[in-house]
Amino acid sequence: FTEGLKKMGVSCLASNAGLFVLMDLRHMLKDQTFESEMAIWRVIVNKVKINVSPGSSFHCSEPGWFRVCFANMDEDTLQIGLQRMKDFVLGDIENKNCNYNCNNKKENKKRKSFQKNLKLSFSAMMYDEHVRSPTLMSPHSPLLRA
């Protein structure tokens, strides 16, 4: 996957193994801001039709990094994804003048106030115990069928 990205001029954070890569699209940002990163993310998700995650959601310190998970992906799906990214990076999909207005202050203010109210809570302590349990097995684990 990383070789395919490299051929189209997109570098990735170096690693020796993993289920995802951090793809560097800093050169495609209109401005070096997280708002610009979110604008490109919206284009990639809505127009390019690839499910990536913006680096800001993983606390990346600079905008323009995107997490691409390639786990559980067959070769055909991988090639389709690479072709879509190639079309996007090389300009076949318009990316600079997207229809998303990230500077809409009213919309951003509404979103920020909504995000302040988000929290995770459990109705009983039994859920908390299972979350902390190091021996909790997946329901798909072969050990449960043995």
C-alpha atoms as a PDB file:
ATOM      1  CA  PHE A   1       0.000   0.000   0.000  1.00  0.00           C
ATOM      2  CA  THR A   2       2.749   2.439   0.944  1.00  0.00           C
ATOM      3  CA  GLU A   3       4.583   1.695  -2.307  1.00  0.00           C
ATOM      4  CA  GLY A   4       1.466   2.642  -4.261  1.00  0.00           C
ATOM      5  CA  LEU A   5       1.189   5.906  -2.339  1.00  0.00           C
ATOM      6  CA  LYS A   6       4.887   6.606  -2.863  1.00  0.00           C
ATOM      7  CA  LYS A   7       4.466   6.238  -6.655  1.00  0.00           C
ATOM      8  CA  MET A   8       1.907   9.054  -6.622  1.00  0.00           C
ATOM      9  CA  GLY A   9       4.132  11.310  -4.509  1.00  0.00           C
ATOM     10  CA  VAL A  10       2.508  10.685  -1.125  1.00  0.00           C
ATOM     11  CA  SER A  11       4.836   9.716   1.692  1.00  0.00           C
ATOM     12  CA  CYS A  12       3.941   7.889   4.886  1.00  0.00           C
ATOM     13  CA  LEU A  13       5.393   7.834   8.358  1.00  0.00           C
ATOM     14  CA  ALA A  14       8.071   5.133   8.386  1.00  0.00           C
ATOM     15  CA  SER A  15       7.341   1.902  10.247  1.00  0.00           C
ATOM     16  CA  ASN A  16       8.218  -1.783  10.004  1.00  0.00           C
ATOM     17  CA  ALA A  17       4.741  -3.257  10.663  1.00  0.00           C
ATOM     18  CA  GLY A  18       1.181  -2.271  11.412  1.00  0.00           C
ATOM     19  CA  LEU A  19      -2.483  -2.260  10.486  1.00  0.00           C
ATOM     20  CA  PHE A  20      -2.554   1.353   9.328  1.00  0.00           C
ATOM     21  CA  VAL A  21      -0.291   4.075   7.976  1.00  0.00           C
ATOM     22  CA  LEU A  22      -0.098   7.786   8.593  1.00  0.00           C
ATOM     23  CA  MET A  23      -0.281   9.360   5.148  1.00  0.00           C
ATOM     24  CA  ASP A  24       1.309  12.792   4.662  1.00  0.00           C
ATOM     25  CA  LEU A  25      -0.907  15.172   2.688  1.00  0.00           C
ATOM     26  CA  ARG A  26       0.541  18.381   4.142  1.00  0.00           C
ATOM     27  CA  HIS A  27       1.514  19.512   0.651  1.00  0.00           C
ATOM     28  CA  MET A  28      -2.156  19.443  -0.385  1.00  0.00           C
ATOM     29  CA  LEU A  29      -3.428  21.746   2.358  1.00  0.00           C
ATOM     30  CA  LYS A  30      -4.605  25.164   1.219  1.00  0.00           C
ATOM     31  CA  ASP A  31      -3.329  26.584   4.527  1.00  0.00           C
ATOM     32  CA  GLN A  32      -1.309  24.824   7.207  1.00  0.00           C
ATOM     33  CA  THR A  33      -4.270  24.716   9.605  1.00  0.00           C
ATOM     34  CA  PHE A  34      -6.437  22.020  11.118  1.00  0.00           C
ATOM     35  CA  GLU A  35      -9.455  23.647   9.436  1.00  0.00           C
ATOM     36  CA  SER A  36      -7.793  23.031   6.066  1.00  0.00           C
ATOM     37  CA  GLU A  37      -7.061  19.449   7.129  1.00  0.00           C
ATOM     38  CA  MET A  38     -10.749  18.964   7.918  1.00  0.00           C
ATOM     39  CA  ALA A  39     -11.732  20.409   4.521  1.00  0.00           C
ATOM     40  CA  ILE A  40      -9.530  17.872   2.719  1.00  0.00           C
ATOM     41  CA  TRP A  41     -10.792  15.096   5.004  1.00  0.00           C
ATOM     42  CA  ARG A  42     -14.391  15.915   4.013  1.00  0.00           C
ATOM     43  CA  VAL A  43     -13.453  15.722   0.333  1.00  0.00           C
ATOM     44  CA  ILE A  44     -11.654  12.383   0.802  1.00  0.00           C
ATOM     45  CA  VAL A  45     -14.581  10.871   2.697  1.00  0.00           C
ATOM     46  CA  ASN A  46     -17.467  12.367   0.689  1.00  0.00           C
ATOM     47  CA  LYS A  47     -16.075  12.631  -2.860  1.00  0.00           C
ATOM     48  CA  VAL A  48     -13.123  10.247  -3.040  1.00  0.00           C
ATOM     49  CA  LYS A  49     -15.080   7.706  -0.969  1.00  0.00           C
ATOM     50  CA  ILE A  50     -12.199   6.509   1.196  1.00  0.00           C
ATOM     51  CA  ASN A  51     -12.632   6.214   4.945  1.00  0.00           C
ATOM     52  CA  VAL A  52      -9.580   7.910   6.435  1.00  0.00           C
ATOM     53  CA  SER A  53      -9.165   9.668   9.760  1.00  0.00           C
ATOM     54  CA  PRO A  54      -7.659  13.142  10.120  1.00  0.00           C
ATOM     55  CA  GLY A  55      -4.502  13.359  12.186  1.00  0.00           C
ATOM     56  CA  SER A  56      -6.106  15.929  14.460  1.00  0.00           C
ATOM     57  CA  SER A  57      -8.355  13.168  15.830  1.00  0.00           C
ATOM     58  CA  PHE A  58      -5.178  11.375  16.978  1.00  0.00           C
ATOM     59  CA  HIS A  59      -3.604  14.509  18.456  1.00  0.00           C
ATOM     60  CA  CYS A  60      -1.074  15.018  15.643  1.00  0.00           C
ATOM     61  CA  SER A  61       0.784  18.230  16.361  1.00  0.00           C
ATOM     62  CA  GLU A  62       0.709  19.437  12.753  1.00  0.00           C
ATOM     63  CA  PRO A  63      -2.118  19.370  10.210  1.00  0.00           C
ATOM     64  CA  GLY A  64      -2.051  17.268   7.059  1.00  0.00           C
ATOM     65  CA  TRP A  65      -1.567  13.740   8.393  1.00  0.00           C
ATOM     66  CA  PHE A  66      -4.270  11.141   7.757  1.00  0.00           C
ATOM     67  CA  ARG A  67      -4.615   7.640   9.159  1.00  0.00           C
ATOM     68  CA  VAL A  68      -5.412   4.972   6.566  1.00  0.00           C
ATOM     69  CA  CYS A  69      -6.318   1.554   7.938  1.00  0.00           C
ATOM     70  CA  PHE A  70      -5.632  -1.296   5.525  1.00  0.00           C
ATOM     71  CA  ALA A  71      -6.349  -4.198   7.889  1.00  0.00           C
ATOM     72  CA  ASN A  72      -8.808  -6.806   6.630  1.00  0.00           C
ATOM     73  CA  MET A  73      -8.663  -5.437   3.083  1.00  0.00           C
ATOM     74  CA  ASP A  74      -8.407  -7.726   0.063  1.00  0.00           C
ATOM     75  CA  GLU A  75      -6.137  -6.935  -2.889  1.00  0.00           C
ATOM     76  CA  ASP A  76      -8.977  -5.713  -5.143  1.00  0.00           C
ATOM     77  CA  THR A  77     -10.238  -3.272  -2.514  1.00  0.00           C
ATOM     78  CA  LEU A  78      -6.695  -2.066  -1.913  1.00  0.00           C
ATOM     79  CA  GLN A  79      -6.218  -1.352  -5.629  1.00  0.00           C
ATOM     80  CA  ILE A  80      -9.534   0.516  -5.837  1.00  0.00           C
ATOM     81  CA  GLY A  81      -8.511   2.653  -2.866  1.00  0.00           C
ATOM     82  CA  LEU A  82      -5.120   3.403  -4.391  1.00  0.00           C
ATOM     83  CA  GLN A  83      -6.713   4.370  -7.715  1.00  0.00           C
ATOM     84  CA  ARG A  84      -9.125   6.719  -5.955  1.00  0.00           C
ATOM     85  CA  MET A  85      -6.262   8.317  -4.017  1.00  0.00           C
ATOM     86  CA  LYS A  86      -4.264   8.660  -7.239  1.00  0.00           C
ATOM     87  CA  ASP A  87      -7.188  10.421  -8.941  1.00  0.00           C
ATOM     88  CA  PHE A  88      -7.501  12.735  -5.948  1.00  0.00           C
ATOM     89  CA  VAL A  89      -3.803  13.526  -5.557  1.00  0.00           C
ATOM     90  CA  LEU A  90      -3.225  14.069  -9.274  1.00  0.00           C
ATOM     91  CA  GLY A  91      -6.229  16.383  -9.505  1.00  0.00           C
ATOM     92  CA  ASP A  92      -8.926  14.339 -11.236  1.00  0.00           C
ATOM     93  CA  ILE A  93     -11.094  14.990  -8.197  1.00  0.00           C
ATOM     94  CA  GLU A  94     -11.285  18.673  -7.365  1.00  0.00           C
ATOM     95  CA  ASN A  95      -9.747  19.224  -3.957  1.00  0.00           C
ATOM     96  CA  LYS A  96      -8.852  22.884  -3.617  1.00  0.00           C
ATOM     97  CA  ASN A  97     -12.267  24.437  -4.192  1.00  0.00           C
ATOM     98  CA  CYS A  98     -14.395  21.995  -2.242  1.00  0.00           C
ATOM     99  CA  ASN A  99     -17.998  22.775  -1.364  1.00  0.00           C
ATOM    100  CA  TYR A 100     -17.301  22.686   2.361  1.00  0.00           C
ATOM    101  CA  ASN A 101     -17.000  25.971   4.200  1.00  0.00           C
ATOM    102  CA  CYS A 102     -14.756  25.335   7.191  1.00  0.00           C
ATOM    103  CA  ASN A 103     -14.815  29.003   8.137  1.00  0.00           C
ATOM    104  CA  ASN A 104     -18.530  29.038   8.885  1.00  0.00           C
ATOM    105  CA  LYS A 105     -18.251  30.350  12.454  1.00  0.00           C
ATOM    106  CA  LYS A 106     -21.881  29.708  13.370  1.00  0.00           C
ATOM    107  CA  GLU A 107     -21.637  26.049  12.316  1.00  0.00           C
ATOM    108  CA  ASN A 108     -18.277  25.608  14.098  1.00  0.00           C
ATOM    109  CA  LYS A 109     -19.611  27.234  17.277  1.00  0.00           C
ATOM    110  CA  LYS A 110     -22.627  24.901  17.272  1.00  0.00           C
ATOM    111  CA  ARG A 111     -20.347  21.885  16.738  1.00  0.00           C
ATOM    112  CA  LYS A 112     -17.981  22.930  19.546  1.00  0.00           C
ATOM    113  CA  SER A 113     -20.811  23.426  22.038  1.00  0.00           C
ATOM    114  CA  PHE A 114     -22.185  19.991  21.137  1.00  0.00           C
ATOM    115  CA  GLN A 115     -18.762  18.380  21.605  1.00  0.00           C
ATOM    116  CA  LYS A 116     -18.440  19.831  25.111  1.00  0.00           C
ATOM    117  CA  ASN A 117     -21.487  17.826  26.172  1.00  0.00           C
ATOM    118  CA  LEU A 118     -20.162  14.443  25.041  1.00  0.00           C
ATOM    119  CA  LYS A 119     -19.209  11.924  27.701  1.00  0.00           C
ATOM    120  CA  LEU A 120     -19.007   8.184  28.120  1.00  0.00           C
ATOM    121  CA  SER A 121     -20.855   6.697  31.057  1.00  0.00           C
ATOM    122  CA  PHE A 122     -21.874   3.223  32.154  1.00  0.00           C
ATOM    123  CA  SER A 123     -25.131   2.526  33.947  1.00  0.00           C
ATOM    124  CA  ALA A 124     -23.548  -0.028  36.291  1.00  0.00           C
ATOM    125  CA  MET A 125     -20.115  -0.827  37.669  1.00  0.00           C
ATOM    126  CA  MET A 126     -20.221  -4.327  36.138  1.00  0.00           C
ATOM    127  CA  TYR A 127     -19.442  -2.765  32.744  1.00  0.00           C
ATOM    128  CA  ASP A 128     -16.459  -0.956  34.195  1.00  0.00           C
ATOM    129  CA  GLU A 129     -15.108  -4.240  35.610  1.00  0.00           C
ATOM    130  CA  HIS A 130     -15.259  -5.929  32.190  1.00  0.00           C
ATOM    131  CA  VAL A 131     -13.483  -3.041  30.506  1.00  0.00           C
ATOM    132  CA  ARG A 132     -10.566  -3.363  32.932  1.00  0.00           C
ATOM    133  CA  SER A 133     -10.406  -7.164  32.829  1.00  0.00           C
ATOM    134  CA  PRO A 134      -7.206  -8.453  31.157  1.00  0.00           C
ATOM    135  CA  THR A 135      -8.797 -11.907  30.716  1.00  0.00           C
ATOM    136  CA  LEU A 136     -11.907 -10.775  28.858  1.00  0.00           C
ATOM    137  CA  MET A 137     -12.046 -12.794  25.644  1.00  0.00           C
ATOM    138  CA  SER A 138     -13.524 -11.708  22.363  1.00  0.00           C
ATOM    139  CA  PRO A 139     -16.851 -13.385  21.511  1.00  0.00           C
ATOM    140  CA  HIS A 140     -15.152 -14.576  18.311  1.00  0.00           C
ATOM    141  CA  SER A 141     -12.197 -16.089  20.127  1.00  0.00           C
ATOM    142  CA  PRO A 142     -11.489 -19.758  19.284  1.00  0.00           C
ATOM    143  CA  LEU A 143     -10.963 -20.303  23.022  1.00  0.00           C
ATOM    144  CA  LEU A 144     -14.677 -19.736  23.610  1.00  0.00           C
ATOM    145  CA  ARG A 145     -15.557 -22.560  21.216  1.00  0.00           C
ATOM    146  CA  ALA A 146     -13.102 -25.054  22.725  1.00  0.00           C
END
